[in-house]
Amino acid sequence: MAILGYTILKIKKKEIDFLLTKNSKPWIPIEVKLNDEEPSINWKPFMNFLNCPYGIQLIKKVMYLKLLKKMVTSLLS
């Protein structure tokens, strides 16, 4: 099992900061924000396209971590 990270993946003019892969398949997308605790608008195309069950949004403001389930993407439309 290999876990690799990629930076700045772009889909439909939206980007996500990191994508962890497991066995060469998308595993966990990660978005890093300074203050914004709401799920990024960038999540919807990535969660649907990559078919990852979870996404992580890291927020520097208070060292806050938000774990997003794929079901959350329907709330972002």
C-alpha atoms as a PDB file:
ATOM      1  CA  MET A   1       0.000   0.000   0.000  1.00  0.00           C
ATOM      2  CA  ALA A   2       1.472   3.322  -1.068  1.00  0.00           C
ATOM      3  CA  ILE A   3       0.121   6.687   0.002  1.00  0.00           C
ATOM      4  CA  LEU A   4       1.136   9.662  -2.104  1.00  0.00           C
ATOM      5  CA  GLY A   5       0.169  13.328  -2.027  1.00  0.00           C
ATOM      6  CA  TYR A   6      -0.363  15.671  -4.955  1.00  0.00           C
ATOM      7  CA  THR A   7      -0.784  19.411  -4.839  1.00  0.00           C
ATOM      8  CA  ILE A   8      -3.275  21.663  -6.596  1.00  0.00           C
ATOM      9  CA  LEU A   9      -5.577  19.448  -8.573  1.00  0.00           C
ATOM     10  CA  LYS A  10      -7.880  21.420 -10.914  1.00  0.00           C
ATOM     11  CA  ILE A  11     -11.321  20.440 -12.184  1.00  0.00           C
ATOM     12  CA  LYS A  12     -13.712  22.862 -13.922  1.00  0.00           C
ATOM     13  CA  LYS A  13     -11.597  25.891 -12.920  1.00  0.00           C
ATOM     14  CA  LYS A  14     -11.815  24.886  -9.268  1.00  0.00           C
ATOM     15  CA  GLU A  15      -8.892  23.527  -7.337  1.00  0.00           C
ATOM     16  CA  ILE A  16      -8.159  21.491  -4.267  1.00  0.00           C
ATOM     17  CA  ASP A  17      -4.864  21.766  -2.432  1.00  0.00           C
ATOM     18  CA  PHE A  18      -3.891  18.122  -1.923  1.00  0.00           C
ATOM     19  CA  LEU A  19      -5.036  14.691  -2.953  1.00  0.00           C
ATOM     20  CA  LEU A  20      -3.843  11.619  -1.094  1.00  0.00           C
ATOM     21  CA  THR A  21      -3.852   8.463  -3.158  1.00  0.00           C
ATOM     22  CA  LYS A  22      -3.853   4.874  -1.990  1.00  0.00           C
ATOM     23  CA  ASN A  23      -2.657   2.183  -4.412  1.00  0.00           C
ATOM     24  CA  SER A  24      -2.653   4.802  -7.197  1.00  0.00           C
ATOM     25  CA  LYS A  25      -6.352   5.624  -6.675  1.00  0.00           C
ATOM     26  CA  PRO A  26      -7.840   8.854  -5.261  1.00  0.00           C
ATOM     27  CA  TRP A  27      -8.340   8.441  -1.523  1.00  0.00           C
ATOM     28  CA  ILE A  28      -8.666  11.696   0.450  1.00  0.00           C
ATOM     29  CA  PRO A  29      -8.823  15.236  -1.009  1.00  0.00           C
ATOM     30  CA  ILE A  30      -7.594  17.972   1.350  1.00  0.00           C
ATOM     31  CA  GLU A  31      -8.433  21.690   1.172  1.00  0.00           C
ATOM     32  CA  VAL A  32      -6.552  24.194   3.346  1.00  0.00           C
ATOM     33  CA  LYS A  33      -8.183  27.502   4.325  1.00  0.00           C
ATOM     34  CA  LEU A  34      -7.075  30.387   6.510  1.00  0.00           C
ATOM     35  CA  ASN A  35     -10.360  31.276   8.252  1.00  0.00           C
ATOM     36  CA  ASP A  36     -13.324  29.781   6.399  1.00  0.00           C
ATOM     37  CA  GLU A  37     -15.051  27.031   8.408  1.00  0.00           C
ATOM     38  CA  GLU A  38     -17.801  26.455   5.821  1.00  0.00           C
ATOM     39  CA  PRO A  39     -17.136  23.710   3.271  1.00  0.00           C
ATOM     40  CA  SER A  40     -15.346  25.165   0.263  1.00  0.00           C
ATOM     41  CA  ILE A  41     -17.357  25.496  -2.954  1.00  0.00           C
ATOM     42  CA  ASN A  42     -14.546  23.497  -4.543  1.00  0.00           C
ATOM     43  CA  TRP A  43     -15.656  20.302  -2.799  1.00  0.00           C
ATOM     44  CA  LYS A  44     -18.631  19.384  -4.967  1.00  0.00           C
ATOM     45  CA  PRO A  45     -16.838  18.689  -8.271  1.00  0.00           C
ATOM     46  CA  PHE A  46     -14.004  16.881  -6.518  1.00  0.00           C
ATOM     47  CA  MET A  47     -16.072  14.629  -4.297  1.00  0.00           C
ATOM     48  CA  ASN A  48     -18.264  13.618  -7.239  1.00  0.00           C
ATOM     49  CA  PHE A  49     -15.454  13.198  -9.771  1.00  0.00           C
ATOM     50  CA  LEU A  50     -12.981  11.404  -7.509  1.00  0.00           C
ATOM     51  CA  ASN A  51     -15.591   9.237  -5.778  1.00  0.00           C
ATOM     52  CA  CYS A  52     -13.838   9.646  -2.427  1.00  0.00           C
ATOM     53  CA  PRO A  53     -15.992   8.852   0.610  1.00  0.00           C
ATOM     54  CA  TYR A  54     -14.415  11.651   2.687  1.00  0.00           C
ATOM     55  CA  GLY A  55     -12.661  14.970   2.254  1.00  0.00           C
ATOM     56  CA  ILE A  56     -10.693  16.991   4.801  1.00  0.00           C
ATOM     57  CA  GLN A  57     -10.776  20.762   5.183  1.00  0.00           C
ATOM     58  CA  LEU A  58      -8.032  22.186   7.401  1.00  0.00           C
ATOM     59  CA  ILE A  59      -8.503  25.682   8.798  1.00  0.00           C
ATOM     60  CA  LYS A  60      -5.503  27.518  10.236  1.00  0.00           C
ATOM     61  CA  LYS A  61      -7.497  30.040  12.302  1.00  0.00           C
ATOM     62  CA  VAL A  62      -7.922  27.785  15.318  1.00  0.00           C
ATOM     63  CA  MET A  63      -6.239  24.608  14.084  1.00  0.00           C
ATOM     64  CA  TYR A  64      -9.688  23.371  13.108  1.00  0.00           C
ATOM     65  CA  LEU A  65     -10.222  20.175  11.143  1.00  0.00           C
ATOM     66  CA  LYS A  66     -13.462  19.375   9.345  1.00  0.00           C
ATOM     67  CA  LEU A  67     -14.105  15.912   7.964  1.00  0.00           C
ATOM     68  CA  LEU A  68     -16.600  15.954   5.121  1.00  0.00           C
ATOM     69  CA  LYS A  69     -18.574  12.918   4.052  1.00  0.00           C
ATOM     70  CA  LYS A  70     -19.529  12.514   0.426  1.00  0.00           C
ATOM     71  CA  MET A  71     -23.206  13.001   1.350  1.00  0.00           C
ATOM     72  CA  VAL A  72     -22.412  16.610   2.303  1.00  0.00           C
ATOM     73  CA  THR A  73     -21.791  17.512  -1.347  1.00  0.00           C
ATOM     74  CA  SER A  74     -25.522  17.588  -2.062  1.00  0.00           C
ATOM     75  CA  LEU A  75     -25.832  20.440   0.433  1.00  0.00           C
ATOM     76  CA  LEU A  76     -23.307  22.519  -1.501  1.00  0.00           C
ATOM     77  CA  SER A  77     -25.303  22.841  -4.739  1.00  0.00           C
END
